[in-house]
Amino acid sequence: MATATVTTKGQVTLPVEVRKRLNLKTGDRIDFVFEPGGDLVLRTSRKPFERLRGMLKSQHSRALTIEEMDAEVASGLARDDARIKRQWNKQPKRATGPK
């Protein structure tokens, strides 16, 4: 687990392993998002042109078929669903009514 210390000015230096894992470079922005369960999530805010990387057709690649695109979308949704379920299961359970 990576640990950082808050300075008197409220600044934090992200540990090397965090910067590498998020692929952060100088000038990158980070969004701090509080989830409904109280967890804090860090999201990188890439520059708009970086979001487009890889979208242009390469001379060495072929276009995907509709079926291949559908399979990729389904795979991505399954990964997101699994991630959300893992986060949900980590949240403390709350009482549902008076006993």
PDB file of N, CA and C in Angstrom:
ATOM      1  N   MET A   1       0.853  -1.172   0.000  1.00  0.00           N
ATOM      2  CA  MET A   1       0.000   0.000   0.000  1.00  0.00           C
ATOM      3  C   MET A   1       0.899   1.236   0.000  1.00  0.00           C
ATOM      4  N   ALA A   2       0.583   2.183  -0.862  1.00  0.00           N
ATOM      5  CA  ALA A   2       1.330   3.433  -0.951  1.00  0.00           C
ATOM      6  C   ALA A   2       0.796   4.417   0.081  1.00  0.00           C
ATOM      7  N   THR A   3       1.702   5.181   0.671  1.00  0.00           N
ATOM      8  CA  THR A   3       1.330   6.154   1.683  1.00  0.00           C
ATOM      9  C   THR A   3       1.969   7.498   1.357  1.00  0.00           C
ATOM     10  N   ALA A   4       1.247   8.572   1.618  1.00  0.00           N
ATOM     11  CA  ALA A   4       1.769   9.921   1.411  1.00  0.00           C
ATOM     12  C   ALA A   4       1.418  10.766   2.624  1.00  0.00           C
ATOM     13  N   THR A   5       2.132  11.857   2.803  1.00  0.00           N
ATOM     14  CA  THR A   5       1.919  12.758   3.931  1.00  0.00           C
ATOM     15  C   THR A   5       1.437  14.108   3.422  1.00  0.00           C
ATOM     16  N   VAL A   6       0.467  14.686   4.111  1.00  0.00           N
ATOM     17  CA  VAL A   6      -0.048  16.008   3.755  1.00  0.00           C
ATOM     18  C   VAL A   6       0.843  17.056   4.408  1.00  0.00           C
ATOM     19  N   THR A   7       1.275  18.043   3.609  1.00  0.00           N
ATOM     20  CA  THR A   7       2.114  19.119   4.139  1.00  0.00           C
ATOM     21  C   THR A   7       1.243  20.175   4.814  1.00  0.00           C
ATOM     22  N   THR A   8       1.865  21.152   5.448  1.00  0.00           N
ATOM     23  CA  THR A   8       1.121  22.223   6.106  1.00  0.00           C
ATOM     24  C   THR A   8       0.327  23.051   5.102  1.00  0.00           C
ATOM     25  N   LYS A   9       0.725  23.022   3.834  1.00  0.00           N
ATOM     26  CA  LYS A   9      -0.001  23.738   2.782  1.00  0.00           C
ATOM     27  C   LYS A   9      -1.092  22.869   2.157  1.00  0.00           C
ATOM     28  N   GLY A  10      -1.283  21.648   2.668  1.00  0.00           N
ATOM     29  CA  GLY A  10      -2.302  20.764   2.137  1.00  0.00           C
ATOM     30  C   GLY A  10      -1.877  20.032   0.877  1.00  0.00           C
ATOM     31  N   GLN A  11      -0.585  20.005   0.615  1.00  0.00           N
ATOM     32  CA  GLN A  11      -0.086  19.343  -0.585  1.00  0.00           C
ATOM     33  C   GLN A  11       0.351  17.918  -0.285  1.00  0.00           C
ATOM     34  N   VAL A  12       0.258  17.062  -1.310  1.00  0.00           N
ATOM     35  CA  VAL A  12       0.654  15.668  -1.188  1.00  0.00           C
ATOM     36  C   VAL A  12       1.486  15.312  -2.405  1.00  0.00           C
ATOM     37  N   THR A  13       2.595  14.614  -2.192  1.00  0.00           N
ATOM     38  CA  THR A  13       3.371  14.073  -3.303  1.00  0.00           C
ATOM     39  C   THR A  13       2.947  12.637  -3.497  1.00  0.00           C
ATOM     40  N   LEU A  14       2.479  12.316  -4.703  1.00  0.00           N
ATOM     41  CA  LEU A  14       2.045  10.949  -4.974  1.00  0.00           C
ATOM     42  C   LEU A  14       3.258  10.029  -5.060  1.00  0.00           C
ATOM     43  N   PRO A  15       3.199   8.898  -4.393  1.00  0.00           N
ATOM     44  CA  PRO A  15       4.308   7.951  -4.453  1.00  0.00           C
ATOM     45  C   PRO A  15       4.539   7.457  -5.884  1.00  0.00           C
ATOM     46  N   VAL A  16       5.765   7.067  -6.175  1.00  0.00           N
ATOM     47  CA  VAL A  16       6.154   6.619  -7.511  1.00  0.00           C
ATOM     48  C   VAL A  16       5.253   5.499  -8.007  1.00  0.00           C
ATOM     49  N   GLU A  17       4.949   4.522  -7.148  1.00  0.00           N
ATOM     50  CA  GLU A  17       4.134   3.394  -7.607  1.00  0.00           C
ATOM     51  C   GLU A  17       2.731   3.838  -8.024  1.00  0.00           C
ATOM     52  N   VAL A  18       2.185   4.871  -7.381  1.00  0.00           N
ATOM     53  CA  VAL A  18       0.866   5.391  -7.757  1.00  0.00           C
ATOM     54  C   VAL A  18       0.961   6.105  -9.104  1.00  0.00           C
ATOM     55  N   ARG A  19       1.996   6.941  -9.269  1.00  0.00           N
ATOM     56  CA  ARG A  19       2.168   7.662 -10.535  1.00  0.00           C
ATOM     57  C   ARG A  19       2.357   6.699 -11.694  1.00  0.00           C
ATOM     58  N   LYS A  20       3.124   5.634 -11.464  1.00  0.00           N
ATOM     59  CA  LYS A  20       3.336   4.647 -12.532  1.00  0.00           C
ATOM     60  C   LYS A  20       2.053   3.909 -12.847  1.00  0.00           C
ATOM     61  N   ARG A  21       1.320   3.491 -11.812  1.00  0.00           N
ATOM     62  CA  ARG A  21       0.081   2.725 -12.018  1.00  0.00           C
ATOM     63  C   ARG A  21      -0.964   3.534 -12.776  1.00  0.00           C
ATOM     64  N   LEU A  22      -1.027   4.853 -12.503  1.00  0.00           N
ATOM     65  CA  LEU A  22      -1.982   5.727 -13.185  1.00  0.00           C
ATOM     66  C   LEU A  22      -1.412   6.331 -14.465  1.00  0.00           C
ATOM     67  N   ASN A  23      -0.147   6.005 -14.742  1.00  0.00           N
ATOM     68  CA  ASN A  23       0.544   6.529 -15.924  1.00  0.00           C
ATOM     69  C   ASN A  23       0.491   8.055 -15.950  1.00  0.00           C
ATOM     70  N   LEU A  24       0.783   8.674 -14.800  1.00  0.00           N
ATOM     71  CA  LEU A  24       0.726  10.122 -14.679  1.00  0.00           C
ATOM     72  C   LEU A  24       2.031  10.755 -15.149  1.00  0.00           C
ATOM     73  N   LYS A  25       1.873  11.841 -15.855  1.00  0.00           N
ATOM     74  CA  LYS A  25       3.009  12.620 -16.334  1.00  0.00           C
ATOM     75  C   LYS A  25       2.884  14.034 -15.784  1.00  0.00           C
ATOM     76  N   THR A  26       3.953  14.804 -15.850  1.00  0.00           N
ATOM     77  CA  THR A  26       3.931  16.190 -15.407  1.00  0.00           C
ATOM     78  C   THR A  26       2.842  16.954 -16.149  1.00  0.00           C
ATOM     79  N   GLY A  27       2.029  17.672 -15.407  1.00  0.00           N
ATOM     80  CA  GLY A  27       0.962  18.459 -16.000  1.00  0.00           C
ATOM     81  C   GLY A  27      -0.374  17.748 -16.057  1.00  0.00           C
ATOM     82  N   ASP A  28      -0.403  16.430 -15.813  1.00  0.00           N
ATOM     83  CA  ASP A  28      -1.671  15.699 -15.788  1.00  0.00           C
ATOM     84  C   ASP A  28      -2.515  16.190 -14.617  1.00  0.00           C
ATOM     85  N   ARG A  29      -3.818  16.122 -14.771  1.00  0.00           N
ATOM     86  CA  ARG A  29      -4.733  16.530 -13.717  1.00  0.00           C
ATOM     87  C   ARG A  29      -5.384  15.299 -13.113  1.00  0.00           C
ATOM     88  N   ILE A  30      -5.758  15.410 -11.844  1.00  0.00           N
ATOM     89  CA  ILE A  30      -6.408  14.309 -11.127  1.00  0.00           C
ATOM     90  C   ILE A  30      -7.719  14.825 -10.560  1.00  0.00           C
ATOM     91  N   ASP A  31      -8.795  14.060 -10.769  1.00  0.00           N
ATOM     92  CA  ASP A  31     -10.090  14.382 -10.173  1.00  0.00           C
ATOM     93  C   ASP A  31     -10.259  13.546  -8.910  1.00  0.00           C
ATOM     94  N   PHE A  32     -10.748  14.166  -7.835  1.00  0.00           N
ATOM     95  CA  PHE A  32     -11.043  13.469  -6.588  1.00  0.00           C
ATOM     96  C   PHE A  32     -12.559  13.323  -6.517  1.00  0.00           C
ATOM     97  N   VAL A  33     -13.046  12.095  -6.564  1.00  0.00           N
ATOM     98  CA  VAL A  33     -14.480  11.834  -6.619  1.00  0.00           C
ATOM     99  C   VAL A  33     -14.888  11.035  -5.387  1.00  0.00           C
ATOM    100  N   PHE A  34     -15.867  11.543  -4.632  1.00  0.00           N
ATOM    101  CA  PHE A  34     -16.400  10.820  -3.484  1.00  0.00           C
ATOM    102  C   PHE A  34     -17.574   9.968  -3.948  1.00  0.00           C
ATOM    103  N   GLU A  35     -17.474   8.670  -3.749  1.00  0.00           N
ATOM    104  CA  GLU A  35     -18.526   7.732  -4.117  1.00  0.00           C
ATOM    105  C   GLU A  35     -19.624   7.777  -3.050  1.00  0.00           C
ATOM    106  N   PRO A  36     -20.844   7.342  -3.382  1.00  0.00           N
ATOM    107  CA  PRO A  36     -21.950   7.373  -2.414  1.00  0.00           C
ATOM    108  C   PRO A  36     -21.637   6.650  -1.104  1.00  0.00           C
ATOM    109  N   GLY A  37     -20.844   5.580  -1.153  1.00  0.00           N
ATOM    110  CA  GLY A  37     -20.504   4.840   0.053  1.00  0.00           C
ATOM    111  C   GLY A  37     -19.438   5.520   0.906  1.00  0.00           C
ATOM    112  N   GLY A  38     -18.897   6.652   0.418  1.00  0.00           N
ATOM    113  CA  GLY A  38     -17.894   7.377   1.181  1.00  0.00           C
ATOM    114  C   GLY A  38     -16.472   7.155   0.696  1.00  0.00           C
ATOM    115  N   ASP A  39     -16.274   6.220  -0.242  1.00  0.00           N
ATOM    116  CA  ASP A  39     -14.929   5.978  -0.765  1.00  0.00           C
ATOM    117  C   ASP A  39     -14.487   7.145  -1.637  1.00  0.00           C
ATOM    118  N   LEU A  40     -13.190   7.434  -1.596  1.00  0.00           N
ATOM    119  CA  LEU A  40     -12.606   8.459  -2.441  1.00  0.00           C
ATOM    120  C   LEU A  40     -11.946   7.768  -3.624  1.00  0.00           C
ATOM    121  N   VAL A  41     -12.247   8.224  -4.827  1.00  0.00           N
ATOM    122  CA  VAL A  41     -11.688   7.641  -6.037  1.00  0.00           C
ATOM    123  C   VAL A  41     -10.886   8.716  -6.751  1.00  0.00           C
ATOM    124  N   LEU A  42      -9.681   8.366  -7.196  1.00  0.00           N
ATOM    125  CA  LEU A  42      -8.868   9.273  -7.995  1.00  0.00           C
ATOM    126  C   LEU A  42      -9.066   8.919  -9.458  1.00  0.00           C
ATOM    127  N   ARG A  43      -9.345   9.924 -10.279  1.00  0.00           N
ATOM    128  CA  ARG A  43      -9.469   9.706 -11.713  1.00  0.00           C
ATOM    129  C   ARG A  43      -8.547  10.681 -12.417  1.00  0.00           C
ATOM    130  N   THR A  44      -7.860  10.186 -13.419  1.00  0.00           N
ATOM    131  CA  THR A  44      -6.985  11.065 -14.181  1.00  0.00           C
ATOM    132  C   THR A  44      -7.803  11.824 -15.210  1.00  0.00           C
ATOM    133  N   SER A  45      -7.481  13.084 -15.370  1.00  0.00           N
ATOM    134  CA  SER A  45      -8.135  13.912 -16.386  1.00  0.00           C
ATOM    135  C   SER A  45      -7.126  14.136 -17.492  1.00  0.00           C
ATOM    136  N   ARG A  46      -7.262  13.393 -18.557  1.00  0.00           N
ATOM    137  CA  ARG A  46      -6.341  13.517 -19.679  1.00  0.00           C
ATOM    138  C   ARG A  46      -6.721  14.708 -20.550  1.00  0.00           C
ATOM    139  N   LYS A  47      -5.737  15.220 -21.231  1.00  0.00           N
ATOM    140  CA  LYS A  47      -6.008  16.276 -22.192  1.00  0.00           C
ATOM    141  C   LYS A  47      -6.861  15.679 -23.305  1.00  0.00           C
ATOM    142  N   PRO A  48      -7.758  16.462 -23.908  1.00  0.00           N
ATOM    143  CA  PRO A  48      -8.679  15.914 -24.906  1.00  0.00           C
ATOM    144  C   PRO A  48      -7.998  15.121 -26.018  1.00  0.00           C
ATOM    145  N   PHE A  49      -6.847  15.591 -26.519  1.00  0.00           N
ATOM    146  CA  PHE A  49      -6.215  14.867 -27.616  1.00  0.00           C
ATOM    147  C   PHE A  49      -5.690  13.511 -27.168  1.00  0.00           C
ATOM    148  N   GLU A  50      -5.353  13.361 -25.878  1.00  0.00           N
ATOM    149  CA  GLU A  50      -4.866  12.075 -25.397  1.00  0.00           C
ATOM    150  C   GLU A  50      -5.983  11.037 -25.365  1.00  0.00           C
ATOM    151  N   ARG A  51      -7.225  11.485 -25.195  1.00  0.00           N
ATOM    152  CA  ARG A  51      -8.352  10.557 -25.196  1.00  0.00           C
ATOM    153  C   ARG A  51      -8.569   9.955 -26.579  1.00  0.00           C
ATOM    154  N   LEU A  52      -8.093  10.638 -27.598  1.00  0.00           N
ATOM    155  CA  LEU A  52      -8.302  10.185 -28.964  1.00  0.00           C
ATOM    156  C   LEU A  52      -7.206   9.231 -29.446  1.00  0.00           C
ATOM    157  N   ARG A  53      -6.169   9.071 -28.645  1.00  0.00           N
ATOM    158  CA  ARG A  53      -5.052   8.229 -29.052  1.00  0.00           C
ATOM    159  C   ARG A  53      -5.539   6.823 -29.401  1.00  0.00           C
ATOM    160  N   GLY A  54      -5.116   6.333 -30.537  1.00  0.00           N
ATOM    161  CA  GLY A  54      -5.454   4.988 -30.959  1.00  0.00           C
ATOM    162  C   GLY A  54      -6.765   4.882 -31.724  1.00  0.00           C
ATOM    163  N   MET A  55      -7.486   5.991 -31.867  1.00  0.00           N
ATOM    164  CA  MET A  55      -8.765   5.920 -32.565  1.00  0.00           C
ATOM    165  C   MET A  55      -8.614   5.966 -34.086  1.00  0.00           C
ATOM    166  N   LEU A  56      -7.521   6.547 -34.552  1.00  0.00           N
ATOM    167  CA  LEU A  56      -7.317   6.626 -35.990  1.00  0.00           C
ATOM    168  C   LEU A  56      -6.837   5.294 -36.525  1.00  0.00           C
ATOM    169  N   LYS A  57      -7.274   4.985 -37.721  1.00  0.00           N
ATOM    170  CA  LYS A  57      -6.936   3.704 -38.329  1.00  0.00           C
ATOM    171  C   LYS A  57      -5.448   3.660 -38.672  1.00  0.00           C
ATOM    172  N   SER A  58      -4.828   2.580 -38.297  1.00  0.00           N
ATOM    173  CA  SER A  58      -3.428   2.356 -38.617  1.00  0.00           C
ATOM    174  C   SER A  58      -3.335   1.669 -39.976  1.00  0.00           C
ATOM    175  N   GLN A  59      -2.221   1.848 -40.658  1.00  0.00           N
ATOM    176  CA  GLN A  59      -2.020   1.188 -41.942  1.00  0.00           C
ATOM    177  C   GLN A  59      -1.934  -0.321 -41.781  1.00  0.00           C
ATOM    178  N   HIS A  60      -1.636  -0.790 -40.586  1.00  0.00           N
ATOM    179  CA  HIS A  60      -1.416  -2.212 -40.358  1.00  0.00           C
ATOM    180  C   HIS A  60      -2.595  -2.913 -39.694  1.00  0.00           C
ATOM    181  N   SER A  61      -3.689  -2.203 -39.479  1.00  0.00           N
ATOM    182  CA  SER A  61      -4.815  -2.856 -38.826  1.00  0.00           C
ATOM    183  C   SER A  61      -6.015  -2.886 -39.763  1.00  0.00           C
ATOM    184  N   ARG A  62      -6.921  -3.794 -39.493  1.00  0.00           N
ATOM    185  CA  ARG A  62      -8.132  -3.903 -40.301  1.00  0.00           C
ATOM    186  C   ARG A  62      -9.303  -3.392 -39.472  1.00  0.00           C
ATOM    187  N   ALA A  63     -10.375  -3.049 -40.158  1.00  0.00           N
ATOM    188  CA  ALA A  63     -11.575  -2.588 -39.468  1.00  0.00           C
ATOM    189  C   ALA A  63     -12.232  -3.768 -38.751  1.00  0.00           C
ATOM    190  N   LEU A  64     -12.826  -3.497 -37.590  1.00  0.00           N
ATOM    191  CA  LEU A  64     -13.532  -4.539 -36.852  1.00  0.00           C
ATOM    192  C   LEU A  64     -14.912  -4.758 -37.458  1.00  0.00           C
ATOM    193  N   THR A  65     -15.396  -5.973 -37.354  1.00  0.00           N
ATOM    194  CA  THR A  65     -16.766  -6.264 -37.768  1.00  0.00           C
ATOM    195  C   THR A  65     -17.708  -5.834 -36.649  1.00  0.00           C
ATOM    196  N   ILE A  66     -18.987  -5.743 -36.959  1.00  0.00           N
ATOM    197  CA  ILE A  66     -19.999  -5.393 -35.945  1.00  0.00           C
ATOM    198  C   ILE A  66     -19.960  -6.409 -34.807  1.00  0.00           C
ATOM    199  N   GLU A  67     -19.817  -7.668 -35.135  1.00  0.00           N
ATOM    200  CA  GLU A  67     -19.779  -8.726 -34.118  1.00  0.00           C
ATOM    201  C   GLU A  67     -18.574  -8.551 -33.201  1.00  0.00           C
ATOM    202  N   GLU A  68     -17.422  -8.200 -33.774  1.00  0.00           N
ATOM    203  CA  GLU A  68     -16.217  -7.978 -32.959  1.00  0.00           C
ATOM    204  C   GLU A  68     -16.395  -6.759 -32.057  1.00  0.00           C
ATOM    205  N   MET A  69     -17.014  -5.704 -32.589  1.00  0.00           N
ATOM    206  CA  MET A  69     -17.271  -4.511 -31.768  1.00  0.00           C
ATOM    207  C   MET A  69     -18.213  -4.855 -30.621  1.00  0.00           C
ATOM    208  N   ASP A  70     -19.284  -5.605 -30.924  1.00  0.00           N
ATOM    209  CA  ASP A  70     -20.233  -6.021 -29.886  1.00  0.00           C
ATOM    210  C   ASP A  70     -19.527  -6.835 -28.797  1.00  0.00           C
ATOM    211  N   ALA A  71     -18.635  -7.733 -29.216  1.00  0.00           N
ATOM    212  CA  ALA A  71     -17.906  -8.562 -28.256  1.00  0.00           C
ATOM    213  C   ALA A  71     -17.004  -7.702 -27.372  1.00  0.00           C
ATOM    214  N   GLU A  72     -16.346  -6.705 -27.947  1.00  0.00           N
ATOM    215  CA  GLU A  72     -15.479  -5.818 -27.163  1.00  0.00           C
ATOM    216  C   GLU A  72     -16.291  -4.998 -26.163  1.00  0.00           C
ATOM    217  N   VAL A  73     -17.435  -4.489 -26.603  1.00  0.00           N
ATOM    218  CA  VAL A  73     -18.303  -3.713 -25.708  1.00  0.00           C
ATOM    219  C   VAL A  73     -18.794  -4.599 -24.565  1.00  0.00           C
ATOM    220  N   ALA A  74     -19.227  -5.813 -24.883  1.00  0.00           N
ATOM    221  CA  ALA A  74     -19.712  -6.740 -23.849  1.00  0.00           C
ATOM    222  C   ALA A  74     -18.606  -7.064 -22.859  1.00  0.00           C
ATOM    223  N   SER A  75     -17.397  -7.261 -23.354  1.00  0.00           N
ATOM    224  CA  SER A  75     -16.261  -7.552 -22.482  1.00  0.00           C
ATOM    225  C   SER A  75     -15.975  -6.379 -21.543  1.00  0.00           C
ATOM    226  N   GLY A  76     -16.010  -5.168 -22.088  1.00  0.00           N
ATOM    227  CA  GLY A  76     -15.780  -3.975 -21.258  1.00  0.00           C
ATOM    228  C   GLY A  76     -16.862  -3.807 -20.206  1.00  0.00           C
ATOM    229  N   LEU A  77     -18.112  -4.042 -20.583  1.00  0.00           N
ATOM    230  CA  LEU A  77     -19.211  -3.939 -19.617  1.00  0.00           C
ATOM    231  C   LEU A  77     -19.080  -4.985 -18.515  1.00  0.00           C
ATOM    232  N   ALA A  78     -18.659  -6.193 -18.874  1.00  0.00           N
ATOM    233  CA  ALA A  78     -18.476  -7.248 -17.872  1.00  0.00           C
ATOM    234  C   ALA A  78     -17.368  -6.870 -16.891  1.00  0.00           C
ATOM    235  N   ARG A  79     -16.276  -6.293 -17.408  1.00  0.00           N
ATOM    236  CA  ARG A  79     -15.184  -5.852 -16.520  1.00  0.00           C
ATOM    237  C   ARG A  79     -15.665  -4.755 -15.582  1.00  0.00           C
ATOM    238  N   ASP A  80     -16.419  -3.770 -16.121  1.00  0.00           N
ATOM    239  CA  ASP A  80     -16.945  -2.689 -15.283  1.00  0.00           C
ATOM    240  C   ASP A  80     -17.898  -3.234 -14.230  1.00  0.00           C
ATOM    241  N   ASP A  81     -18.772  -4.158 -14.627  1.00  0.00           N
ATOM    242  CA  ASP A  81     -19.724  -4.753 -13.695  1.00  0.00           C
ATOM    243  C   ASP A  81     -19.005  -5.476 -12.567  1.00  0.00           C
ATOM    244  N   ALA A  82     -17.951  -6.234 -12.902  1.00  0.00           N
ATOM    245  CA  ALA A  82     -17.186  -6.960 -11.887  1.00  0.00           C
ATOM    246  C   ALA A  82     -16.501  -5.977 -10.935  1.00  0.00           C
ATOM    247  N   ARG A  83     -15.961  -4.877 -11.480  1.00  0.00           N
ATOM    248  CA  ARG A  83     -15.294  -3.865 -10.647  1.00  0.00           C
ATOM    249  C   ARG A  83     -16.292  -3.228  -9.693  1.00  0.00           C
ATOM    250  N   ILE A  84     -17.480  -2.889 -10.190  1.00  0.00           N
ATOM    251  CA  ILE A  84     -18.507  -2.259  -9.349  1.00  0.00           C
ATOM    252  C   ILE A  84     -18.957  -3.215  -8.254  1.00  0.00           C
ATOM    253  N   LYS A  85     -19.131  -4.498  -8.583  1.00  0.00           N
ATOM    254  CA  LYS A  85     -19.539  -5.483  -7.579  1.00  0.00           C
ATOM    255  C   LYS A  85     -18.472  -5.645  -6.500  1.00  0.00           C
ATOM    256  N   ARG A  86     -17.184  -5.625  -6.902  1.00  0.00           N
ATOM    257  CA  ARG A  86     -16.099  -5.731  -5.912  1.00  0.00           C
ATOM    258  C   ARG A  86     -16.138  -4.540  -4.972  1.00  0.00           C
ATOM    259  N   GLN A  87     -16.333  -3.324  -5.530  1.00  0.00           N
ATOM    260  CA  GLN A  87     -16.398  -2.126  -4.691  1.00  0.00           C
ATOM    261  C   GLN A  87     -17.607  -2.186  -3.763  1.00  0.00           C
ATOM    262  N   TRP A  88     -18.741  -2.644  -4.285  1.00  0.00           N
ATOM    263  CA  TRP A  88     -19.962  -2.738  -3.479  1.00  0.00           C
ATOM    264  C   TRP A  88     -19.767  -3.697  -2.316  1.00  0.00           C
ATOM    265  N   ASN A  89     -19.115  -4.842  -2.570  1.00  0.00           N
ATOM    266  CA  ASN A  89     -18.916  -5.847  -1.516  1.00  0.00           C
ATOM    267  C   ASN A  89     -17.944  -5.376  -0.444  1.00  0.00           C
ATOM    268  N   LYS A  90     -17.096  -4.391  -0.744  1.00  0.00           N
ATOM    269  CA  LYS A  90     -16.142  -3.872   0.234  1.00  0.00           C
ATOM    270  C   LYS A  90     -16.808  -2.889   1.195  1.00  0.00           C
ATOM    271  N   GLN A  91     -17.981  -2.348   0.816  1.00  0.00           N
ATOM    272  CA  GLN A  91     -18.637  -1.357   1.653  1.00  0.00           C
ATOM    273  C   GLN A  91     -19.232  -2.017   2.893  1.00  0.00           C
ATOM    274  N   PRO A  92     -19.155  -1.337   4.047  1.00  0.00           N
ATOM    275  CA  PRO A  92     -19.751  -1.897   5.257  1.00  0.00           C
ATOM    276  C   PRO A  92     -21.260  -2.005   5.090  1.00  0.00           C
ATOM    277  N   LYS A  93     -21.812  -3.078   5.607  1.00  0.00           N
ATOM    278  CA  LYS A  93     -23.266  -3.313   5.536  1.00  0.00           C
ATOM    279  C   LYS A  93     -23.963  -2.476   6.595  1.00  0.00           C
ATOM    280  N   ARG A  94     -25.118  -1.931   6.240  1.00  0.00           N
ATOM    281  CA  ARG A  94     -25.870  -1.090   7.169  1.00  0.00           C
ATOM    282  C   ARG A  94     -27.102  -1.825   7.643  1.00  0.00           C
ATOM    283  N   ALA A  95     -27.520  -1.499   8.839  1.00  0.00           N
ATOM    284  CA  ALA A  95     -28.747  -2.087   9.377  1.00  0.00           C
ATOM    285  C   ALA A  95     -29.923  -1.590   8.537  1.00  0.00           C
ATOM    286  N   THR A  96     -30.924  -2.458   8.342  1.00  0.00           N
ATOM    287  CA  THR A  96     -32.061  -2.109   7.485  1.00  0.00           C
ATOM    288  C   THR A  96     -33.311  -1.735   8.262  1.00  0.00           C
ATOM    289  N   GLY A  97     -33.288  -1.748   9.551  1.00  0.00           N
ATOM    290  CA  GLY A  97     -34.470  -1.359  10.313  1.00  0.00           C
ATOM    291  C   GLY A  97     -34.291  -1.609  11.789  1.00  0.00           C
ATOM    292  N   PRO A  98     -35.283  -1.208  12.587  1.00  0.00           N
ATOM    293  CA  PRO A  98     -35.186  -1.407  14.040  1.00  0.00           C
ATOM    294  C   PRO A  98     -35.271  -2.887  14.403  1.00  0.00           C
ATOM    295  N   LYS A  99     -34.596  -3.226  15.485  1.00  0.00           N
ATOM    296  CA  LYS A  99     -34.599  -4.614  15.949  1.00  0.00           C
ATOM    297  C   LYS A  99     -35.457  -4.750  17.192  1.00  0.00           C
TER     298      LYS A  99
END
